[in-house]
């Protein structure tokens, strides 16, 4: 593998570690910038065949894959925690509703701010 690709892999790994740190510290603006830098780097990185890499480079690719999955799990867990919190508080703040006959009616969870869709 040439030195340029090796350097890009090291930069990618550093960005993934920085992304995790910023996510843990809730530095959202910096996190957005890091994600954009990571996407640009990935767009320019072309690895045709990982099997032809040297042992050290293959280990770096595996480390990148592991850390990237770790970040994805962290962000997925945070999103699920936010969803559960919103649902919990949505149930707690639900006011009683009545139909025209004066009978109490079951109201659904309303006012969800986050759908999880982009």
PDB file of N, CA and C in Angstrom:
ATOM      1  N   UNK A   1       0.861  -1.169   0.000  1.00  0.00           N
ATOM      2  CA  UNK A   1       0.000   0.000   0.000  1.00  0.00           C
ATOM      3  C   UNK A   1       0.903   1.226   0.000  1.00  0.00           C
ATOM      4  N   UNK A   2       0.473   2.244  -0.689  1.00  0.00           N
ATOM      5  CA  UNK A   2       1.326   3.426  -0.739  1.00  0.00           C
ATOM      6  C   UNK A   2       1.179   4.258   0.529  1.00  0.00           C
ATOM      7  N   UNK A   3       2.130   5.154   0.696  1.00  0.00           N
ATOM      8  CA  UNK A   3       2.184   5.952   1.927  1.00  0.00           C
ATOM      9  C   UNK A   3       0.988   6.885   2.062  1.00  0.00           C
ATOM     10  N   UNK A   4       0.440   7.361   0.946  1.00  0.00           N
ATOM     11  CA  UNK A   4      -0.707   8.275   1.001  1.00  0.00           C
ATOM     12  C   UNK A   4      -1.929   7.579   1.588  1.00  0.00           C
ATOM     13  N   UNK A   5      -2.171   6.347   1.174  1.00  0.00           N
ATOM     14  CA  UNK A   5      -3.323   5.602   1.702  1.00  0.00           C
ATOM     15  C   UNK A   5      -3.107   5.281   3.173  1.00  0.00           C
ATOM     16  N   UNK A   6      -1.897   4.913   3.540  1.00  0.00           N
ATOM     17  CA  UNK A   6      -1.587   4.630   4.945  1.00  0.00           C
ATOM     18  C   UNK A   6      -1.833   5.877   5.802  1.00  0.00           C
ATOM     19  N   UNK A   7      -1.404   7.034   5.295  1.00  0.00           N
ATOM     20  CA  UNK A   7      -1.621   8.294   6.014  1.00  0.00           C
ATOM     21  C   UNK A   7      -3.115   8.589   6.148  1.00  0.00           C
ATOM     22  N   UNK A   8      -3.887   8.330   5.094  1.00  0.00           N
ATOM     23  CA  UNK A   8      -5.337   8.543   5.149  1.00  0.00           C
ATOM     24  C   UNK A   8      -5.985   7.627   6.182  1.00  0.00           C
ATOM     25  N   UNK A   9      -5.512   6.395   6.271  1.00  0.00           N
ATOM     26  CA  UNK A   9      -6.058   5.469   7.266  1.00  0.00           C
ATOM     27  C   UNK A   9      -5.772   5.958   8.682  1.00  0.00           C
ATOM     28  N   UNK A  10      -4.570   6.461   8.903  1.00  0.00           N
ATOM     29  CA  UNK A  10      -4.235   7.003  10.228  1.00  0.00           C
ATOM     30  C   UNK A  10      -5.094   8.230  10.543  1.00  0.00           C
ATOM     31  N   UNK A  11      -5.304   9.092   9.556  1.00  0.00           N
ATOM     32  CA  UNK A  11      -6.164  10.263   9.758  1.00  0.00           C
ATOM     33  C   UNK A  11      -7.592   9.833  10.071  1.00  0.00           C
ATOM     34  N   UNK A  12      -8.074   8.818   9.358  1.00  0.00           N
ATOM     35  CA  UNK A  12      -9.427   8.321   9.591  1.00  0.00           C
ATOM     36  C   UNK A  12      -9.569   7.783  11.006  1.00  0.00           C
ATOM     37  N   UNK A  13      -8.582   7.040  11.459  1.00  0.00           N
ATOM     38  CA  UNK A  13      -8.638   6.495  12.813  1.00  0.00           C
ATOM     39  C   UNK A  13      -8.636   7.616  13.849  1.00  0.00           C
ATOM     40  N   UNK A  14      -7.816   8.624  13.634  1.00  0.00           N
ATOM     41  CA  UNK A  14      -7.793   9.768  14.552  1.00  0.00           C
ATOM     42  C   UNK A  14      -9.136  10.490  14.571  1.00  0.00           C
ATOM     43  N   UNK A  15      -9.763  10.643  13.407  1.00  0.00           N
ATOM     44  CA  UNK A  15     -11.072  11.300  13.343  1.00  0.00           C
ATOM     45  C   UNK A  15     -12.141  10.485  14.064  1.00  0.00           C
ATOM     46  N   UNK A  16     -12.077   9.172  13.950  1.00  0.00           N
ATOM     47  CA  UNK A  16     -13.053   8.314  14.630  1.00  0.00           C
ATOM     48  C   UNK A  16     -12.898   8.426  16.140  1.00  0.00           C
ATOM     49  N   UNK A  17     -11.660   8.462  16.618  1.00  0.00           N
ATOM     50  CA  UNK A  17     -11.435   8.630  18.057  1.00  0.00           C
ATOM     51  C   UNK A  17     -11.897  10.010  18.527  1.00  0.00           C
ATOM     52  N   UNK A  18     -11.639  11.033  17.724  1.00  0.00           N
ATOM     53  CA  UNK A  18     -12.085  12.387  18.054  1.00  0.00           C
ATOM     54  C   UNK A  18     -13.610  12.464  18.064  1.00  0.00           C
ATOM     55  N   UNK A  19     -14.240  11.785  17.104  1.00  0.00           N
ATOM     56  CA  UNK A  19     -15.703  11.753  17.027  1.00  0.00           C
ATOM     57  C   UNK A  19     -16.300  11.172  18.312  1.00  0.00           C
ATOM     58  N   UNK A  20     -15.712  10.107  18.809  1.00  0.00           N
ATOM     59  CA  UNK A  20     -16.210   9.486  20.037  1.00  0.00           C
ATOM     60  C   UNK A  20     -16.048  10.422  21.235  1.00  0.00           C
ATOM     61  N   UNK A  21     -14.900  11.061  21.335  1.00  0.00           N
ATOM     62  CA  UNK A  21     -14.664  11.986  22.440  1.00  0.00           C
ATOM     63  C   UNK A  21     -15.668  13.135  22.396  1.00  0.00           C
ATOM     64  N   UNK A  22     -15.895  13.694  21.220  1.00  0.00           N
ATOM     65  CA  UNK A  22     -16.834  14.807  21.092  1.00  0.00           C
ATOM     66  C   UNK A  22     -18.265  14.367  21.379  1.00  0.00           C
ATOM     67  N   UNK A  23     -18.620  13.154  21.004  1.00  0.00           N
ATOM     68  CA  UNK A  23     -19.963  12.646  21.302  1.00  0.00           C
ATOM     69  C   UNK A  23     -20.139  12.472  22.808  1.00  0.00           C
ATOM     70  N   UNK A  24     -19.134  11.947  23.478  1.00  0.00           N
ATOM     71  CA  UNK A  24     -19.221  11.768  24.935  1.00  0.00           C
ATOM     72  C   UNK A  24     -19.324  13.100  25.660  1.00  0.00           C
ATOM     73  N   UNK A  25     -18.639  14.116  25.150  1.00  0.00           N
ATOM     74  CA  UNK A  25     -18.627  15.426  25.797  1.00  0.00           C
ATOM     75  C   UNK A  25     -19.739  16.345  25.286  1.00  0.00           C
ATOM     76  N   UNK A  26     -20.591  15.828  24.402  1.00  0.00           N
ATOM     77  CA  UNK A  26     -21.721  16.570  23.826  1.00  0.00           C
ATOM     78  C   UNK A  26     -21.281  17.862  23.133  1.00  0.00           C
ATOM     79  N   UNK A  27     -20.168  17.807  22.438  1.00  0.00           N
ATOM     80  CA  UNK A  27     -19.691  18.942  21.644  1.00  0.00           C
ATOM     81  C   UNK A  27     -20.292  18.814  20.243  1.00  0.00           C
ATOM     82  N   UNK A  28     -21.555  19.186  20.112  1.00  0.00           N
ATOM     83  CA  UNK A  28     -22.314  18.882  18.906  1.00  0.00           C
ATOM     84  C   UNK A  28     -21.801  19.602  17.662  1.00  0.00           C
ATOM     85  N   UNK A  29     -21.430  20.874  17.776  1.00  0.00           N
ATOM     86  CA  UNK A  29     -20.924  21.590  16.604  1.00  0.00           C
ATOM     87  C   UNK A  29     -19.610  20.979  16.122  1.00  0.00           C
ATOM     88  N   UNK A  30     -18.718  20.699  17.046  1.00  0.00           N
ATOM     89  CA  UNK A  30     -17.442  20.080  16.691  1.00  0.00           C
ATOM     90  C   UNK A  30     -17.666  18.674  16.136  1.00  0.00           C
ATOM     91  N   UNK A  31     -18.645  17.957  16.683  1.00  0.00           N
ATOM     92  CA  UNK A  31     -18.961  16.614  16.209  1.00  0.00           C
ATOM     93  C   UNK A  31     -19.445  16.651  14.760  1.00  0.00           C
ATOM     94  N   UNK A  32     -20.307  17.616  14.427  1.00  0.00           N
ATOM     95  CA  UNK A  32     -20.788  17.746  13.047  1.00  0.00           C
ATOM     96  C   UNK A  32     -19.622  17.992  12.092  1.00  0.00           C
ATOM     97  N   UNK A  33     -18.712  18.853  12.498  1.00  0.00           N
ATOM     98  CA  UNK A  33     -17.554  19.162  11.661  1.00  0.00           C
ATOM     99  C   UNK A  33     -16.673  17.925  11.482  1.00  0.00           C
ATOM    100  N   UNK A  34     -16.478  17.174  12.546  1.00  0.00           N
ATOM    101  CA  UNK A  34     -15.660  15.961  12.472  1.00  0.00           C
ATOM    102  C   UNK A  34     -16.308  14.924  11.561  1.00  0.00           C
ATOM    103  N   UNK A  35     -17.616  14.782  11.649  1.00  0.00           N
ATOM    104  CA  UNK A  35     -18.326  13.830  10.787  1.00  0.00           C
ATOM    105  C   UNK A  35     -18.171  14.231   9.321  1.00  0.00           C
ATOM    106  N   UNK A  36     -18.261  15.517   9.030  1.00  0.00           N
ATOM    107  CA  UNK A  36     -18.081  15.972   7.647  1.00  0.00           C
ATOM    108  C   UNK A  36     -16.663  15.701   7.155  1.00  0.00           C
ATOM    109  N   UNK A  37     -15.681  15.956   8.006  1.00  0.00           N
ATOM    110  CA  UNK A  37     -14.289  15.672   7.632  1.00  0.00           C
ATOM    111  C   UNK A  37     -14.090  14.179   7.392  1.00  0.00           C
ATOM    112  N   UNK A  38     -14.717  13.353   8.231  1.00  0.00           N
ATOM    113  CA  UNK A  38     -14.604  11.898   8.085  1.00  0.00           C
ATOM    114  C   UNK A  38     -15.245  11.449   6.770  1.00  0.00           C
ATOM    115  N   UNK A  39     -16.409  12.004   6.439  1.00  0.00           N
ATOM    116  CA  UNK A  39     -17.079  11.636   5.192  1.00  0.00           C
ATOM    117  C   UNK A  39     -16.252  12.034   3.978  1.00  0.00           C
ATOM    118  N   UNK A  40     -15.630  13.216   4.026  1.00  0.00           N
ATOM    119  CA  UNK A  40     -14.776  13.649   2.918  1.00  0.00           C
ATOM    120  C   UNK A  40     -13.571  12.723   2.766  1.00  0.00           C
ATOM    121  N   UNK A  41     -12.987  12.347   3.878  1.00  0.00           N
ATOM    122  CA  UNK A  41     -11.834  11.450   3.841  1.00  0.00           C
ATOM    123  C   UNK A  41     -12.235  10.083   3.291  1.00  0.00           C
ATOM    124  N   UNK A  42     -13.383   9.580   3.717  1.00  0.00           N
ATOM    125  CA  UNK A  42     -13.856   8.286   3.224  1.00  0.00           C
ATOM    126  C   UNK A  42     -14.162   8.328   1.731  1.00  0.00           C
ATOM    127  N   UNK A  43     -14.689   9.456   1.257  1.00  0.00           N
ATOM    128  CA  UNK A  43     -15.004   9.582  -0.170  1.00  0.00           C
ATOM    129  C   UNK A  43     -13.739   9.511  -1.024  1.00  0.00           C
ATOM    130  N   UNK A  44     -12.630  10.001  -0.498  1.00  0.00           N
ATOM    131  CA  UNK A  44     -11.381   9.984  -1.250  1.00  0.00           C
ATOM    132  C   UNK A  44     -10.527   8.758  -1.032  1.00  0.00           C
ATOM    133  N   UNK A  45     -10.922   7.905  -0.103  1.00  0.00           N
ATOM    134  CA  UNK A  45     -10.139   6.716   0.227  1.00  0.00           C
ATOM    135  C   UNK A  45     -10.657   5.529  -0.579  1.00  0.00           C
ATOM    136  N   UNK A  46      -9.788   4.923  -1.346  1.00  0.00           N
ATOM    137  CA  UNK A  46     -10.189   3.788  -2.180  1.00  0.00           C
ATOM    138  C   UNK A  46      -9.317   2.581  -1.846  1.00  0.00           C
ATOM    139  N   UNK A  47      -9.907   1.630  -1.139  1.00  0.00           N
ATOM    140  CA  UNK A  47      -9.229   0.370  -0.842  1.00  0.00           C
ATOM    141  C   UNK A  47      -9.902  -0.709  -1.676  1.00  0.00           C
ATOM    142  N   UNK A  48      -9.212  -1.163  -2.694  1.00  0.00           N
ATOM    143  CA  UNK A  48      -9.805  -2.147  -3.584  1.00  0.00           C
ATOM    144  C   UNK A  48      -9.847  -3.536  -2.971  1.00  0.00           C
ATOM    145  N   UNK A  49      -8.754  -3.949  -2.365  1.00  0.00           N
ATOM    146  CA  UNK A  49      -8.686  -5.303  -1.836  1.00  0.00           C
ATOM    147  C   UNK A  49      -7.955  -5.285  -0.498  1.00  0.00           C
ATOM    148  N   UNK A  50      -8.706  -5.462   0.572  1.00  0.00           N
ATOM    149  CA  UNK A  50      -8.129  -5.435   1.913  1.00  0.00           C
ATOM    150  C   UNK A  50      -7.222  -6.642   2.135  1.00  0.00           C
ATOM    151  N   UNK A  51      -7.475  -7.740   1.436  1.00  0.00           N
ATOM    152  CA  UNK A  51      -6.677  -8.958   1.623  1.00  0.00           C
ATOM    153  C   UNK A  51      -5.225  -8.796   1.174  1.00  0.00           C
ATOM    154  N   UNK A  52      -4.952  -7.831   0.321  1.00  0.00           N
ATOM    155  CA  UNK A  52      -3.585  -7.638  -0.166  1.00  0.00           C
ATOM    156  C   UNK A  52      -2.770  -6.713   0.732  1.00  0.00           C
ATOM    157  N   UNK A  53      -3.359  -6.235   1.808  1.00  0.00           N
ATOM    158  CA  UNK A  53      -2.663  -5.315   2.708  1.00  0.00           C
ATOM    159  C   UNK A  53      -1.634  -6.055   3.554  1.00  0.00           C
ATOM    160  N   UNK A  54      -0.643  -5.318   3.988  1.00  0.00           N
ATOM    161  CA  UNK A  54       0.338  -5.867   4.921  1.00  0.00           C
ATOM    162  C   UNK A  54      -0.332  -6.074   6.276  1.00  0.00           C
ATOM    163  N   UNK A  55       0.290  -6.872   7.123  1.00  0.00           N
ATOM    164  CA  UNK A  55      -0.301  -7.214   8.420  1.00  0.00           C
ATOM    165  C   UNK A  55      -0.586  -5.975   9.256  1.00  0.00           C
ATOM    166  N   UNK A  56       0.368  -5.060   9.319  1.00  0.00           N
ATOM    167  CA  UNK A  56       0.184  -3.839  10.114  1.00  0.00           C
ATOM    168  C   UNK A  56      -0.993  -3.008   9.590  1.00  0.00           C
ATOM    169  N   UNK A  57      -1.085  -2.905   8.273  1.00  0.00           N
ATOM    170  CA  UNK A  57      -2.167  -2.125   7.671  1.00  0.00           C
ATOM    171  C   UNK A  57      -3.514  -2.805   7.865  1.00  0.00           C
ATOM    172  N   UNK A  58      -3.529  -4.127   7.764  1.00  0.00           N
ATOM    173  CA  UNK A  58      -4.772  -4.869   7.981  1.00  0.00           C
ATOM    174  C   UNK A  58      -5.252  -4.695   9.419  1.00  0.00           C
ATOM    175  N   UNK A  59      -4.309  -4.698  10.365  1.00  0.00           N
ATOM    176  CA  UNK A  59      -4.672  -4.475  11.768  1.00  0.00           C
ATOM    177  C   UNK A  59      -5.246  -3.076  11.969  1.00  0.00           C
ATOM    178  N   UNK A  60      -4.690  -2.094  11.267  1.00  0.00           N
ATOM    179  CA  UNK A  60      -5.211  -0.729  11.355  1.00  0.00           C
ATOM    180  C   UNK A  60      -6.630  -0.649  10.791  1.00  0.00           C
ATOM    181  N   UNK A  61      -6.869  -1.314   9.678  1.00  0.00           N
ATOM    182  CA  UNK A  61      -8.220  -1.334   9.096  1.00  0.00           C
ATOM    183  C   UNK A  61      -9.199  -2.003  10.055  1.00  0.00           C
ATOM    184  N   UNK A  62      -8.789  -3.099  10.680  1.00  0.00           N
ATOM    185  CA  UNK A  62      -9.659  -3.769  11.652  1.00  0.00           C
ATOM    186  C   UNK A  62      -9.925  -2.876  12.859  1.00  0.00           C
ATOM    187  N   UNK A  63      -8.918  -2.152  13.301  1.00  0.00           N
ATOM    188  CA  UNK A  63      -9.088  -1.232  14.436  1.00  0.00           C
ATOM    189  C   UNK A  63     -10.053  -0.111  14.064  1.00  0.00           C
ATOM    190  N   UNK A  64      -9.944   0.405  12.843  1.00  0.00           N
ATOM    191  CA  UNK A  64     -10.863   1.441  12.359  1.00  0.00           C
ATOM    192  C   UNK A  64     -12.282   0.902  12.339  1.00  0.00           C
ATOM    193  N   UNK A  65     -12.450  -0.308  11.825  1.00  0.00           N
ATOM    194  CA  UNK A  65     -13.779  -0.921  11.763  1.00  0.00           C
ATOM    195  C   UNK A  65     -14.361  -1.090  13.168  1.00  0.00           C
ATOM    196  N   UNK A  66     -13.547  -1.568  14.100  1.00  0.00           N
ATOM    197  CA  UNK A  66     -14.005  -1.779  15.475  1.00  0.00           C
ATOM    198  C   UNK A  66     -14.416  -0.459  16.130  1.00  0.00           C
ATOM    199  N   UNK A  67     -13.548   0.557  16.027  1.00  0.00           N
ATOM    200  CA  UNK A  67     -13.846   1.843  16.661  1.00  0.00           C
ATOM    201  C   UNK A  67     -15.042   2.531  16.013  1.00  0.00           C
ATOM    202  N   UNK A  68     -15.202   2.378  14.708  1.00  0.00           N
ATOM    203  CA  UNK A  68     -16.349   2.982  14.028  1.00  0.00           C
ATOM    204  C   UNK A  68     -17.650   2.322  14.482  1.00  0.00           C
ATOM    205  N   UNK A  69     -17.650   0.997  14.618  1.00  0.00           N
ATOM    206  CA  UNK A  69     -18.838   0.296  15.127  1.00  0.00           C
ATOM    207  C   UNK A  69     -19.126   0.694  16.566  1.00  0.00           C
ATOM    208  N   UNK A  70     -18.081   0.890  17.327  1.00  0.00           N
ATOM    209  CA  UNK A  70     -18.234   1.320  18.720  1.00  0.00           C
ATOM    210  C   UNK A  70     -18.910   2.693  18.784  1.00  0.00           C
ATOM    211  N   UNK A  71     -18.486   3.609  17.911  1.00  0.00           N
ATOM    212  CA  UNK A  71     -19.119   4.924  17.847  1.00  0.00           C
ATOM    213  C   UNK A  71     -20.577   4.810  17.421  1.00  0.00           C
ATOM    214  N   UNK A  72     -20.838   3.963  16.434  1.00  0.00           N
ATOM    215  CA  UNK A  72     -22.213   3.791  15.962  1.00  0.00           C
ATOM    216  C   UNK A  72     -23.096   3.266  17.087  1.00  0.00           C
ATOM    217  N   UNK A  73     -22.587   2.334  17.874  1.00  0.00           N
ATOM    218  CA  UNK A  73     -23.369   1.800  18.992  1.00  0.00           C
ATOM    219  C   UNK A  73     -23.610   2.871  20.052  1.00  0.00           C
ATOM    220  N   UNK A  74     -22.603   3.693  20.326  1.00  0.00           N
ATOM    221  CA  UNK A  74     -22.765   4.785  21.288  1.00  0.00           C
ATOM    222  C   UNK A  74     -23.868   5.736  20.836  1.00  0.00           C
ATOM    223  N   UNK A  75     -23.847   6.133  19.582  1.00  0.00           N
ATOM    224  CA  UNK A  75     -24.852   7.067  19.072  1.00  0.00           C
ATOM    225  C   UNK A  75     -26.233   6.420  19.017  1.00  0.00           C
ATOM    226  N   UNK A  76     -26.301   5.143  18.645  1.00  0.00           N
ATOM    227  CA  UNK A  76     -27.575   4.421  18.611  1.00  0.00           C
ATOM    228  C   UNK A  76     -28.161   4.317  20.022  1.00  0.00           C
ATOM    229  N   UNK A  77     -27.315   4.005  21.004  1.00  0.00           N
ATOM    230  CA  UNK A  77     -27.772   3.908  22.395  1.00  0.00           C
ATOM    231  C   UNK A  77     -28.272   5.255  22.903  1.00  0.00           C
ATOM    232  N   UNK A  78     -27.568   6.317  22.560  1.00  0.00           N
ATOM    233  CA  UNK A  78     -27.988   7.657  22.988  1.00  0.00           C
ATOM    234  C   UNK A  78     -29.337   8.012  22.383  1.00  0.00           C
ATOM    235  N   UNK A  79     -29.540   7.690  21.116  1.00  0.00           N
ATOM    236  CA  UNK A  79     -30.824   7.973  20.473  1.00  0.00           C
ATOM    237  C   UNK A  79     -31.946   7.186  21.138  1.00  0.00           C
ATOM    238  N   UNK A  80     -31.713   5.917  21.447  1.00  0.00           N
ATOM    239  CA  UNK A  80     -32.739   5.118  22.122  1.00  0.00           C
ATOM    240  C   UNK A  80     -33.040   5.656  23.512  1.00  0.00           C
ATOM    241  N   UNK A  81     -32.012   6.104  24.220  1.00  0.00           N
ATOM    242  CA  UNK A  81     -32.223   6.682  25.547  1.00  0.00           C
ATOM    243  C   UNK A  81     -33.076   7.942  25.449  1.00  0.00           C
ATOM    244  N   UNK A  82     -32.807   8.777  24.447  1.00  0.00           N
ATOM    245  CA  UNK A  82     -33.604   9.996  24.249  1.00  0.00           C
ATOM    246  C   UNK A  82     -35.043   9.632  23.918  1.00  0.00           C
ATOM    247  N   UNK A  83     -35.247   8.647  23.057  1.00  0.00           N
ATOM    248  CA  UNK A  83     -36.613   8.214  22.713  1.00  0.00           C
ATOM    249  C   UNK A  83     -37.362   7.726  23.950  1.00  0.00           C
ATOM    250  N   UNK A  84     -36.705   6.897  24.754  1.00  0.00           N
ATOM    251  CA  UNK A  84     -37.348   6.384  25.963  1.00  0.00           C
ATOM    252  C   UNK A  84     -37.664   7.506  26.938  1.00  0.00           C
ATOM    253  N   UNK A  85     -36.767   8.456  27.072  1.00  0.00           N
ATOM    254  CA  UNK A  85     -37.006   9.594  27.968  1.00  0.00           C
ATOM    255  C   UNK A  85     -38.180  10.427  27.481  1.00  0.00           C
ATOM    256  N   UNK A  86     -38.238  10.677  26.179  1.00  0.00           N
ATOM    257  CA  UNK A  86     -39.344  11.464  25.623  1.00  0.00           C
ATOM    258  C   UNK A  86     -40.668  10.732  25.821  1.00  0.00           C
ATOM    259  N   UNK A  87     -40.672   9.422  25.622  1.00  0.00           N
ATOM    260  CA  UNK A  87     -41.894   8.647  25.823  1.00  0.00           C
ATOM    261  C   UNK A  87     -42.306   8.676  27.291  1.00  0.00           C
ATOM    262  N   UNK A  88     -41.347   8.525  28.194  1.00  0.00           N
ATOM    263  CA  UNK A  88     -41.637   8.549  29.623  1.00  0.00           C
ATOM    264  C   UNK A  88     -42.246   9.885  30.028  1.00  0.00           C
ATOM    265  N   UNK A  89     -41.609  10.974  29.638  1.00  0.00           N
ATOM    266  CA  UNK A  89     -42.119  12.282  30.019  1.00  0.00           C
ATOM    267  C   UNK A  89     -43.408  12.616  29.281  1.00  0.00           C
ATOM    268  N   UNK A  90     -43.575  12.079  28.087  1.00  0.00           N
ATOM    269  CA  UNK A  90     -44.833  12.273  27.354  1.00  0.00           C
ATOM    270  C   UNK A  90     -45.992  11.617  28.076  1.00  0.00           C
ATOM    271  N   UNK A  91     -45.762  10.456  28.661  1.00  0.00           N
ATOM    272  CA  UNK A  91     -46.816   9.775  29.424  1.00  0.00           C
ATOM    273  C   UNK A  91     -47.097  10.515  30.721  1.00  0.00           C
ATOM    274  N   UNK A  92     -46.065  10.998  31.371  1.00  0.00           N
ATOM    275  CA  UNK A  92     -46.237  11.666  32.659  1.00  0.00           C
ATOM    276  C   UNK A  92     -46.962  12.999  32.516  1.00  0.00           C
ATOM    277  N   UNK A  93     -46.771  13.686  31.421  1.00  0.00           N
ATOM    278  CA  UNK A  93     -47.367  15.010  31.276  1.00  0.00           C
ATOM    279  C   UNK A  93     -48.703  14.978  30.540  1.00  0.00           C
ATOM    280  N   UNK A  94     -49.212  13.795  30.259  1.00  0.00           N
ATOM    281  CA  UNK A  94     -50.461  13.680  29.528  1.00  0.00           C
ATOM    282  C   UNK A  94     -51.615  14.118  30.426  1.00  0.00           C
ATOM    283  N   UNK A  95     -52.400  15.019  29.928  1.00  0.00           N
ATOM    284  CA  UNK A  95     -53.559  15.491  30.675  1.00  0.00           C
ATOM    285  C   UNK A  95     -54.757  14.598  30.393  1.00  0.00           C
ATOM    286  N   UNK A  96     -55.674  14.548  31.347  1.00  0.00           N
ATOM    287  CA  UNK A  96     -56.899  13.787  31.133  1.00  0.00           C
ATOM    288  C   UNK A  96     -57.726  14.464  30.051  1.00  0.00           C
ATOM    289  N   UNK A  97     -58.327  13.651  29.215  1.00  0.00           N
ATOM    290  CA  UNK A  97     -59.194  14.165  28.153  1.00  0.00           C
ATOM    291  C   UNK A  97     -60.566  13.542  28.310  1.00  0.00           C
ATOM    292  N   UNK A  98     -61.569  14.258  27.840  1.00  0.00           N
ATOM    293  CA  UNK A  98     -62.951  13.790  27.960  1.00  0.00           C
ATOM    294  C   UNK A  98     -63.632  13.913  26.612  1.00  0.00           C
ATOM    295  N   UNK A  99     -64.528  12.953  26.339  1.00  0.00           N
ATOM    296  CA  UNK A  99     -65.301  13.011  25.108  1.00  0.00           C
ATOM    297  C   UNK A  99     -66.528  13.901  25.325  1.00  0.00           C
ATOM    298  N   UNK A 100     -67.325  14.153  24.284  1.00  0.00           N
ATOM    299  CA  UNK A 100     -68.494  15.035  24.438  1.00  0.00           C
ATOM    300  C   UNK A 100     -69.514  14.538  25.474  1.00  0.00           C
ATOM    301  N   UNK A 101     -69.520  13.249  25.789  1.00  0.00           N
ATOM    302  CA  UNK A 101     -70.449  12.716  26.777  1.00  0.00           C
ATOM    303  C   UNK A 101     -69.905  12.851  28.201  1.00  0.00           C
ATOM    304  N   UNK A 102     -68.716  13.384  28.349  1.00  0.00           N
ATOM    305  CA  UNK A 102     -68.139  13.582  29.668  1.00  0.00           C
ATOM    306  C   UNK A 102     -67.369  12.391  30.197  1.00  0.00           C
ATOM    307  N   UNK A 103     -67.136  11.404  29.365  1.00  0.00           N
ATOM    308  CA  UNK A 103     -66.392  10.220  29.783  1.00  0.00           C
ATOM    309  C   UNK A 103     -64.898  10.433  29.501  1.00  0.00           C
ATOM    310  N   UNK A 104     -64.090   9.943  30.419  1.00  0.00           N
ATOM    311  CA  UNK A 104     -62.640  10.065  30.242  1.00  0.00           C
ATOM    312  C   UNK A 104     -62.208   9.182  29.072  1.00  0.00           C
ATOM    313  N   UNK A 105     -61.334   9.713  28.222  1.00  0.00           N
ATOM    314  CA  UNK A 105     -60.855   8.939  27.073  1.00  0.00           C
ATOM    315  C   UNK A 105     -59.348   8.728  27.190  1.00  0.00           C
ATOM    316  N   UNK A 106     -58.910   7.640  26.601  1.00  0.00           N
ATOM    317  CA  UNK A 106     -57.488   7.302  26.595  1.00  0.00           C
ATOM    318  C   UNK A 106     -56.797   8.120  25.513  1.00  0.00           C
ATOM    319  N   UNK A 107     -55.856   8.925  25.905  1.00  0.00           N
ATOM    320  CA  UNK A 107     -55.106   9.730  24.939  1.00  0.00           C
ATOM    321  C   UNK A 107     -53.792   9.024  24.636  1.00  0.00           C
ATOM    322  N   UNK A 108     -53.371   9.066  23.392  1.00  0.00           N
ATOM    323  CA  UNK A 108     -52.096   8.473  23.003  1.00  0.00           C
ATOM    324  C   UNK A 108     -50.951   9.367  23.426  1.00  0.00           C
ATOM    325  N   UNK A 109     -49.762   8.820  23.318  1.00  0.00           N
ATOM    326  CA  UNK A 109     -48.582   9.619  23.631  1.00  0.00           C
ATOM    327  C   UNK A 109     -48.466  10.657  22.532  1.00  0.00           C
ATOM    328  N   UNK A 110     -48.525  11.897  22.904  1.00  0.00           N
ATOM    329  CA  UNK A 110     -48.499  12.959  21.906  1.00  0.00           C
ATOM    330  C   UNK A 110     -47.326  13.877  22.114  1.00  0.00           C
ATOM    331  N   UNK A 111     -47.102  14.704  21.138  1.00  0.00           N
ATOM    332  CA  UNK A 111     -46.075  15.717  21.252  1.00  0.00           C
ATOM    333  C   UNK A 111     -44.655  15.197  21.187  1.00  0.00           C
ATOM    334  N   UNK A 112     -44.441  14.101  20.512  1.00  0.00           N
ATOM    335  CA  UNK A 112     -43.072  13.596  20.394  1.00  0.00           C
ATOM    336  C   UNK A 112     -42.248  14.551  19.556  1.00  0.00           C
ATOM    337  N   UNK A 113     -41.132  14.913  20.087  1.00  0.00           N
ATOM    338  CA  UNK A 113     -40.260  15.839  19.375  1.00  0.00           C
ATOM    339  C   UNK A 113     -39.281  15.112  18.465  1.00  0.00           C
ATOM    340  N   UNK A 114     -38.940  13.891  18.825  1.00  0.00           N
ATOM    341  CA  UNK A 114     -37.936  13.156  18.071  1.00  0.00           C
ATOM    342  C   UNK A 114     -38.540  11.897  17.479  1.00  0.00           C
ATOM    343  N   UNK A 115     -38.382  11.736  16.195  1.00  0.00           N
ATOM    344  CA  UNK A 115     -38.872  10.525  15.562  1.00  0.00           C
ATOM    345  C   UNK A 115     -37.734   9.558  15.274  1.00  0.00           C
ATOM    346  N   UNK A 116     -36.497  10.053  15.261  1.00  0.00           N
ATOM    347  CA  UNK A 116     -35.361   9.205  14.940  1.00  0.00           C
ATOM    348  C   UNK A 116     -35.122   9.092  13.455  1.00  0.00           C
ATOM    349  N   UNK A 117     -35.916   9.788  12.669  1.00  0.00           N
ATOM    350  CA  UNK A 117     -35.760   9.744  11.215  1.00  0.00           C
ATOM    351  C   UNK A 117     -35.017  10.978  10.754  1.00  0.00           C
ATOM    352  N   UNK A 118     -34.235  10.791   9.739  1.00  0.00           N
ATOM    353  CA  UNK A 118     -33.453  11.909   9.207  1.00  0.00           C
ATOM    354  C   UNK A 118     -34.012  12.284   7.860  1.00  0.00           C
TER     355      UNK A 118
END
